[in-house]
Amino acid sequence: MPDCTSPTLMSAEELQARIDAVSADIEKQKEVLKQLERDKSSLQRQLNNIHDPVARLPLEISSEIFLHCLPFGHFHEYQSQVHAAPILLLNVCNTWSDIVLPTPELWAHIRIDLRNEELLQV
């Protein structure tokens, strides 16, 4: 690869070829970076699972714990909010989502207030 700062003059065609080669190298490096970011993300999830005590519990116990996070009160008093269980639990991490989604008791009573602008912006 010739040095771009060398005093040798290059023709327009040579310069364009050099630009094309550098652009191709940049694209290759972007793909390498994307793969490294995916690998890092996967490793981070594995590390999080090691440190997350909920992830180490059997699904039945985790589900029961999450059931205790539901707001109390009668169904007609329950206000669905993005900052309350079960929606909040979905957004903690992938492991918690994997527990929350297949737990039907968490989804048995959901009330959606369409007048709540916060819900409409999510």
N, C-alpha and C. Protein backbone atom coordinates (compact mmCIF):
# COMPACT_ATOMS: atom_id res chain seq x y z
N MET A 1 0.85 -1.17 0.00
CA MET A 1 0.00 0.00 0.00
C MET A 1 0.90 1.24 0.00
N PRO A 2 0.82 2.09 -1.02
CA PRO A 2 1.69 3.27 -1.07
C PRO A 2 1.30 4.28 -0.01
N ASP A 3 2.27 5.04 0.41
CA ASP A 3 2.07 6.08 1.41
C ASP A 3 1.37 7.26 0.77
N CYS A 4 0.24 7.69 1.34
CA CYS A 4 -0.54 8.79 0.78
C CYS A 4 0.17 10.13 0.93
N THR A 5 1.13 10.19 1.82
CA THR A 5 1.80 11.47 2.07
C THR A 5 3.10 11.60 1.27
N SER A 6 3.42 10.60 0.46
CA SER A 6 4.66 10.66 -0.30
C SER A 6 4.58 11.77 -1.35
N PRO A 7 5.72 12.37 -1.68
CA PRO A 7 5.71 13.48 -2.62
C PRO A 7 5.44 13.06 -4.06
N THR A 8 5.39 11.75 -4.33
CA THR A 8 5.13 11.27 -5.68
C THR A 8 3.73 11.68 -6.11
N LEU A 9 3.63 12.27 -7.27
CA LEU A 9 2.33 12.67 -7.78
C LEU A 9 1.64 11.47 -8.40
N MET A 10 0.35 11.39 -8.15
CA MET A 10 -0.44 10.28 -8.69
C MET A 10 -1.43 10.85 -9.69
N SER A 11 -1.77 10.04 -10.66
CA SER A 11 -2.77 10.48 -11.63
C SER A 11 -4.15 10.40 -10.99
N ALA A 12 -5.12 11.01 -11.63
CA ALA A 12 -6.49 10.98 -11.13
C ALA A 12 -7.00 9.55 -11.03
N GLU A 13 -6.65 8.72 -12.00
CA GLU A 13 -7.09 7.32 -11.98
C GLU A 13 -6.46 6.57 -10.82
N GLU A 14 -5.17 6.84 -10.58
CA GLU A 14 -4.49 6.18 -9.47
C GLU A 14 -5.07 6.63 -8.13
N LEU A 15 -5.36 7.91 -8.04
CA LEU A 15 -5.97 8.42 -6.81
C LEU A 15 -7.34 7.79 -6.58
N GLN A 16 -8.14 7.70 -7.65
CA GLN A 16 -9.47 7.10 -7.51
C GLN A 16 -9.36 5.63 -7.13
N ALA A 17 -8.41 4.93 -7.72
CA ALA A 17 -8.21 3.52 -7.38
C ALA A 17 -7.80 3.39 -5.91
N ARG A 18 -6.95 4.29 -5.47
CA ARG A 18 -6.51 4.27 -4.06
C ARG A 18 -7.69 4.56 -3.13
N ILE A 19 -8.51 5.53 -3.50
CA ILE A 19 -9.70 5.86 -2.70
C ILE A 19 -10.63 4.65 -2.63
N ASP A 20 -10.82 3.99 -3.76
CA ASP A 20 -11.69 2.81 -3.79
C ASP A 20 -11.14 1.69 -2.91
N ALA A 21 -9.82 1.51 -2.94
CA ALA A 21 -9.20 0.47 -2.12
C ALA A 21 -9.35 0.78 -0.63
N VAL A 22 -9.14 2.03 -0.28
CA VAL A 22 -9.28 2.44 1.13
C VAL A 22 -10.75 2.29 1.56
N SER A 23 -11.66 2.67 0.70
CA SER A 23 -13.09 2.52 1.01
C SER A 23 -13.45 1.06 1.24
N ALA A 24 -12.92 0.18 0.42
CA ALA A 24 -13.17 -1.25 0.58
C ALA A 24 -12.61 -1.75 1.91
N ASP A 25 -11.41 -1.27 2.26
CA ASP A 25 -10.82 -1.65 3.54
C ASP A 25 -11.67 -1.16 4.71
N ILE A 26 -12.20 0.04 4.59
CA ILE A 26 -13.05 0.59 5.64
C ILE A 26 -14.30 -0.28 5.81
N GLU A 27 -14.91 -0.68 4.72
CA GLU A 27 -16.11 -1.53 4.79
C GLU A 27 -15.80 -2.87 5.45
N LYS A 28 -14.65 -3.44 5.11
CA LYS A 28 -14.25 -4.71 5.74
C LYS A 28 -14.08 -4.53 7.24
N GLN A 29 -13.45 -3.43 7.64
CA GLN A 29 -13.23 -3.17 9.06
C GLN A 29 -14.53 -2.90 9.79
N LYS A 30 -15.49 -2.29 9.12
CA LYS A 30 -16.81 -2.08 9.73
C LYS A 30 -17.47 -3.42 10.03
N GLU A 31 -17.35 -4.37 9.11
CA GLU A 31 -17.93 -5.70 9.33
C GLU A 31 -17.22 -6.41 10.49
N VAL A 32 -15.91 -6.26 10.55
CA VAL A 32 -15.16 -6.85 11.66
C VAL A 32 -15.62 -6.23 12.98
N LEU A 33 -15.80 -4.92 12.99
CA LEU A 33 -16.25 -4.22 14.19
C LEU A 33 -17.65 -4.68 14.60
N LYS A 34 -18.55 -4.83 13.63
CA LYS A 34 -19.90 -5.31 13.94
C LYS A 34 -19.86 -6.69 14.58
N GLN A 35 -19.03 -7.57 14.05
CA GLN A 35 -18.91 -8.91 14.62
C GLN A 35 -18.34 -8.86 16.03
N LEU A 36 -17.35 -8.01 16.24
CA LEU A 36 -16.78 -7.86 17.58
C LEU A 36 -17.82 -7.33 18.56
N GLU A 37 -18.66 -6.40 18.11
CA GLU A 37 -19.71 -5.87 18.98
C GLU A 37 -20.73 -6.95 19.32
N ARG A 38 -21.08 -7.80 18.35
CA ARG A 38 -22.00 -8.92 18.62
C ARG A 38 -21.38 -9.89 19.62
N ASP A 39 -20.10 -10.18 19.43
CA ASP A 39 -19.40 -11.09 20.35
C ASP A 39 -19.37 -10.50 21.76
N LYS A 40 -19.08 -9.21 21.85
CA LYS A 40 -19.03 -8.55 23.16
C LYS A 40 -20.40 -8.60 23.83
N SER A 41 -21.43 -8.34 23.06
CA SER A 41 -22.79 -8.36 23.60
C SER A 41 -23.15 -9.75 24.13
N SER A 42 -22.80 -10.77 23.38
CA SER A 42 -23.06 -12.14 23.82
C SER A 42 -22.31 -12.46 25.11
N LEU A 43 -21.06 -12.07 25.16
CA LEU A 43 -20.26 -12.32 26.37
C LEU A 43 -20.82 -11.54 27.56
N GLN A 44 -21.28 -10.31 27.31
CA GLN A 44 -21.85 -9.50 28.39
C GLN A 44 -23.12 -10.15 28.93
N ARG A 45 -23.95 -10.69 28.03
CA ARG A 45 -25.16 -11.39 28.49
C ARG A 45 -24.80 -12.59 29.36
N GLN A 46 -23.77 -13.33 28.95
CA GLN A 46 -23.34 -14.48 29.74
C GLN A 46 -22.85 -14.04 31.12
N LEU A 47 -22.08 -12.96 31.15
CA LEU A 47 -21.59 -12.44 32.43
C LEU A 47 -22.74 -11.96 33.30
N ASN A 48 -23.69 -11.28 32.69
CA ASN A 48 -24.86 -10.81 33.45
C ASN A 48 -25.62 -11.98 34.05
N ASN A 49 -25.75 -13.06 33.29
CA ASN A 49 -26.45 -14.24 33.80
C ASN A 49 -25.73 -14.85 35.00
N ILE A 50 -24.42 -14.77 34.99
CA ILE A 50 -23.65 -15.30 36.12
C ILE A 50 -23.91 -14.46 37.37
N HIS A 51 -23.99 -13.14 37.19
CA HIS A 51 -24.17 -12.24 38.33
C HIS A 51 -25.63 -12.05 38.73
N ASP A 52 -26.56 -12.44 37.88
CA ASP A 52 -27.98 -12.23 38.16
C ASP A 52 -28.53 -13.40 38.96
N PRO A 53 -28.87 -13.17 40.23
CA PRO A 53 -29.37 -14.28 41.04
C PRO A 53 -30.69 -14.85 40.52
N VAL A 54 -31.50 -14.03 39.88
CA VAL A 54 -32.77 -14.52 39.34
C VAL A 54 -32.51 -15.53 38.22
N ALA A 55 -31.49 -15.30 37.44
CA ALA A 55 -31.17 -16.20 36.32
C ALA A 55 -30.75 -17.58 36.81
N ARG A 56 -30.26 -17.65 38.04
CA ARG A 56 -29.81 -18.94 38.57
C ARG A 56 -30.93 -19.73 39.24
N LEU A 57 -32.07 -19.09 39.43
CA LEU A 57 -33.20 -19.77 40.07
C LEU A 57 -34.00 -20.57 39.05
N PRO A 58 -34.68 -21.61 39.51
CA PRO A 58 -35.59 -22.31 38.60
C PRO A 58 -36.69 -21.35 38.13
N LEU A 59 -37.19 -21.57 36.94
CA LEU A 59 -38.20 -20.70 36.33
C LEU A 59 -39.41 -20.53 37.24
N GLU A 60 -39.84 -21.60 37.88
CA GLU A 60 -41.04 -21.53 38.73
C GLU A 60 -40.84 -20.56 39.89
N ILE A 61 -39.66 -20.54 40.47
CA ILE A 61 -39.39 -19.65 41.60
C ILE A 61 -39.26 -18.21 41.11
N SER A 62 -38.56 -18.01 40.01
CA SER A 62 -38.43 -16.66 39.45
C SER A 62 -39.80 -16.09 39.10
N SER A 63 -40.63 -16.91 38.50
CA SER A 63 -41.99 -16.46 38.13
C SER A 63 -42.77 -16.06 39.37
N GLU A 64 -42.66 -16.85 40.41
CA GLU A 64 -43.37 -16.54 41.66
C GLU A 64 -42.89 -15.22 42.25
N ILE A 65 -41.61 -14.99 42.22
CA ILE A 65 -41.06 -13.72 42.71
C ILE A 65 -41.62 -12.56 41.89
N PHE A 66 -41.64 -12.74 40.59
CA PHE A 66 -42.15 -11.67 39.72
C PHE A 66 -43.63 -11.42 39.95
N LEU A 67 -44.37 -12.45 40.29
CA LEU A 67 -45.80 -12.26 40.59
C LEU A 67 -46.00 -11.32 41.77
N HIS A 68 -45.06 -11.34 42.69
CA HIS A 68 -45.15 -10.46 43.86
C HIS A 68 -44.79 -9.01 43.52
N CYS A 69 -44.34 -8.78 42.31
CA CYS A 69 -44.04 -7.41 41.86
C CYS A 69 -45.26 -6.72 41.27
N LEU A 70 -46.32 -7.48 41.03
CA LEU A 70 -47.52 -6.89 40.44
C LEU A 70 -48.16 -5.90 41.40
N PRO A 71 -48.75 -4.84 40.87
CA PRO A 71 -49.46 -3.89 41.74
C PRO A 71 -50.63 -4.58 42.43
N PHE A 72 -50.88 -4.19 43.65
CA PHE A 72 -51.99 -4.77 44.39
C PHE A 72 -53.27 -4.04 44.07
N GLY A 73 -54.37 -4.62 44.45
CA GLY A 73 -55.66 -3.97 44.25
C GLY A 73 -56.54 -4.78 43.33
N HIS A 74 -57.75 -4.33 43.20
CA HIS A 74 -58.71 -5.01 42.33
C HIS A 74 -58.38 -4.72 40.88
N PHE A 75 -58.88 -5.57 40.02
CA PHE A 75 -58.61 -5.44 38.60
C PHE A 75 -58.98 -4.05 38.08
N HIS A 76 -60.12 -3.54 38.48
CA HIS A 76 -60.55 -2.26 37.94
C HIS A 76 -59.70 -1.10 38.47
N GLU A 77 -58.94 -1.33 39.53
CA GLU A 77 -58.07 -0.29 40.06
C GLU A 77 -56.67 -0.35 39.46
N TYR A 78 -56.36 -1.46 38.82
CA TYR A 78 -55.02 -1.66 38.29
C TYR A 78 -54.77 -0.71 37.12
N GLN A 79 -53.73 0.04 37.23
CA GLN A 79 -53.35 0.96 36.15
C GLN A 79 -52.10 0.42 35.47
N SER A 80 -52.22 0.07 34.21
CA SER A 80 -51.06 -0.41 33.47
C SER A 80 -50.13 0.77 33.21
N GLN A 81 -48.89 0.60 33.57
CA GLN A 81 -47.90 1.64 33.38
C GLN A 81 -46.63 1.01 32.84
N VAL A 82 -45.89 1.78 32.08
CA VAL A 82 -44.63 1.26 31.56
C VAL A 82 -43.59 1.13 32.65
N HIS A 83 -43.82 1.75 33.80
CA HIS A 83 -42.86 1.69 34.90
C HIS A 83 -43.33 0.74 36.00
N ALA A 84 -44.22 -0.18 35.68
CA ALA A 84 -44.72 -1.15 36.65
C ALA A 84 -44.66 -2.55 36.05
N ALA A 85 -44.66 -3.54 36.93
CA ALA A 85 -44.67 -4.93 36.47
C ALA A 85 -45.99 -5.18 35.74
N PRO A 86 -46.01 -6.01 34.74
CA PRO A 86 -44.93 -6.82 34.18
C PRO A 86 -44.11 -6.10 33.11
N ILE A 87 -44.58 -4.94 32.64
CA ILE A 87 -43.87 -4.23 31.57
C ILE A 87 -42.45 -3.86 32.01
N LEU A 88 -42.32 -3.37 33.21
CA LEU A 88 -41.01 -2.98 33.72
C LEU A 88 -40.05 -4.17 33.73
N LEU A 89 -40.54 -5.32 34.15
CA LEU A 89 -39.69 -6.51 34.22
C LEU A 89 -39.19 -6.94 32.84
N LEU A 90 -40.00 -6.70 31.83
CA LEU A 90 -39.58 -7.05 30.46
C LEU A 90 -38.35 -6.27 30.03
N ASN A 91 -38.21 -5.08 30.55
CA ASN A 91 -37.15 -4.18 30.09
C ASN A 91 -35.87 -4.26 30.90
N VAL A 92 -35.81 -5.15 31.87
CA VAL A 92 -34.60 -5.25 32.69
C VAL A 92 -33.47 -5.90 31.89
N CYS A 93 -33.72 -7.08 31.37
CA CYS A 93 -32.71 -7.78 30.59
C CYS A 93 -33.38 -8.93 29.84
N ASN A 94 -32.64 -9.55 28.94
CA ASN A 94 -33.19 -10.66 28.16
C ASN A 94 -33.60 -11.83 29.04
N THR A 95 -32.82 -12.11 30.05
CA THR A 95 -33.13 -13.23 30.94
C THR A 95 -34.47 -13.01 31.63
N TRP A 96 -34.69 -11.80 32.12
CA TRP A 96 -35.95 -11.52 32.80
C TRP A 96 -37.10 -11.56 31.82
N SER A 97 -36.89 -11.08 30.61
CA SER A 97 -37.94 -11.17 29.59
C SER A 97 -38.30 -12.62 29.31
N ASP A 98 -37.28 -13.48 29.29
CA ASP A 98 -37.52 -14.90 29.05
C ASP A 98 -38.33 -15.54 30.18
N ILE A 99 -38.31 -14.93 31.35
CA ILE A 99 -39.11 -15.43 32.48
C ILE A 99 -40.51 -14.83 32.44
N VAL A 100 -40.58 -13.54 32.16
CA VAL A 100 -41.86 -12.81 32.21
C VAL A 100 -42.81 -13.25 31.10
N LEU A 101 -42.31 -13.34 29.90
CA LEU A 101 -43.20 -13.62 28.76
C LEU A 101 -43.97 -14.94 28.87
N PRO A 102 -43.35 -16.03 29.28
CA PRO A 102 -44.12 -17.28 29.36
C PRO A 102 -44.85 -17.49 30.69
N THR A 103 -44.96 -16.46 31.50
CA THR A 103 -45.66 -16.58 32.78
C THR A 103 -47.04 -15.97 32.64
N PRO A 104 -48.06 -16.78 32.34
CA PRO A 104 -49.38 -16.23 32.04
C PRO A 104 -50.01 -15.46 33.20
N GLU A 105 -49.67 -15.83 34.43
CA GLU A 105 -50.25 -15.13 35.58
C GLU A 105 -49.86 -13.65 35.60
N LEU A 106 -48.71 -13.33 35.05
CA LEU A 106 -48.28 -11.93 35.00
C LEU A 106 -49.11 -11.11 34.01
N TRP A 107 -49.71 -11.79 33.06
CA TRP A 107 -50.45 -11.12 31.99
C TRP A 107 -51.95 -11.32 32.11
N ALA A 108 -52.39 -11.92 33.21
CA ALA A 108 -53.81 -12.25 33.36
C ALA A 108 -54.69 -11.01 33.49
N HIS A 109 -54.18 -9.96 34.08
CA HIS A 109 -54.98 -8.75 34.31
C HIS A 109 -54.18 -7.53 33.87
N ILE A 110 -54.46 -7.11 32.67
CA ILE A 110 -53.78 -5.93 32.16
C ILE A 110 -54.83 -4.93 31.72
N ARG A 111 -54.67 -3.74 32.19
CA ARG A 111 -55.56 -2.66 31.78
C ARG A 111 -54.71 -1.62 31.09
N ILE A 112 -55.12 -1.22 29.93
CA ILE A 112 -54.38 -0.22 29.18
C ILE A 112 -55.23 1.04 29.11
N ASP A 113 -54.70 2.09 29.65
CA ASP A 113 -55.39 3.37 29.65
C ASP A 113 -54.92 4.14 28.42
N LEU A 114 -55.75 4.19 27.41
CA LEU A 114 -55.38 4.85 26.16
C LEU A 114 -55.32 6.37 26.30
N ARG A 115 -55.78 6.87 27.41
CA ARG A 115 -55.68 8.31 27.64
C ARG A 115 -54.32 8.70 28.18
N ASN A 116 -53.53 7.73 28.57
CA ASN A 116 -52.22 7.98 29.15
C ASN A 116 -51.22 8.27 28.03
N GLU A 117 -50.78 9.50 27.91
CA GLU A 117 -49.88 9.90 26.83
C GLU A 117 -48.54 9.19 26.93
N GLU A 118 -48.10 8.87 28.14
CA GLU A 118 -46.83 8.18 28.32
C GLU A 118 -46.84 6.83 27.61
N LEU A 119 -47.95 6.11 27.69
CA LEU A 119 -48.06 4.82 27.01
C LEU A 119 -48.04 4.98 25.50
N LEU A 120 -48.63 6.03 25.01
CA LEU A 120 -48.70 6.24 23.57
C LEU A 120 -47.35 6.59 22.98
N GLN A 121 -46.43 7.09 23.79
CA GLN A 121 -45.11 7.49 23.30
C GLN A 121 -44.12 6.35 23.31
N VAL A 122 -44.45 5.24 23.90
CA VAL A 122 -43.52 4.12 23.99
C VAL A 122 -43.43 3.40 22.68
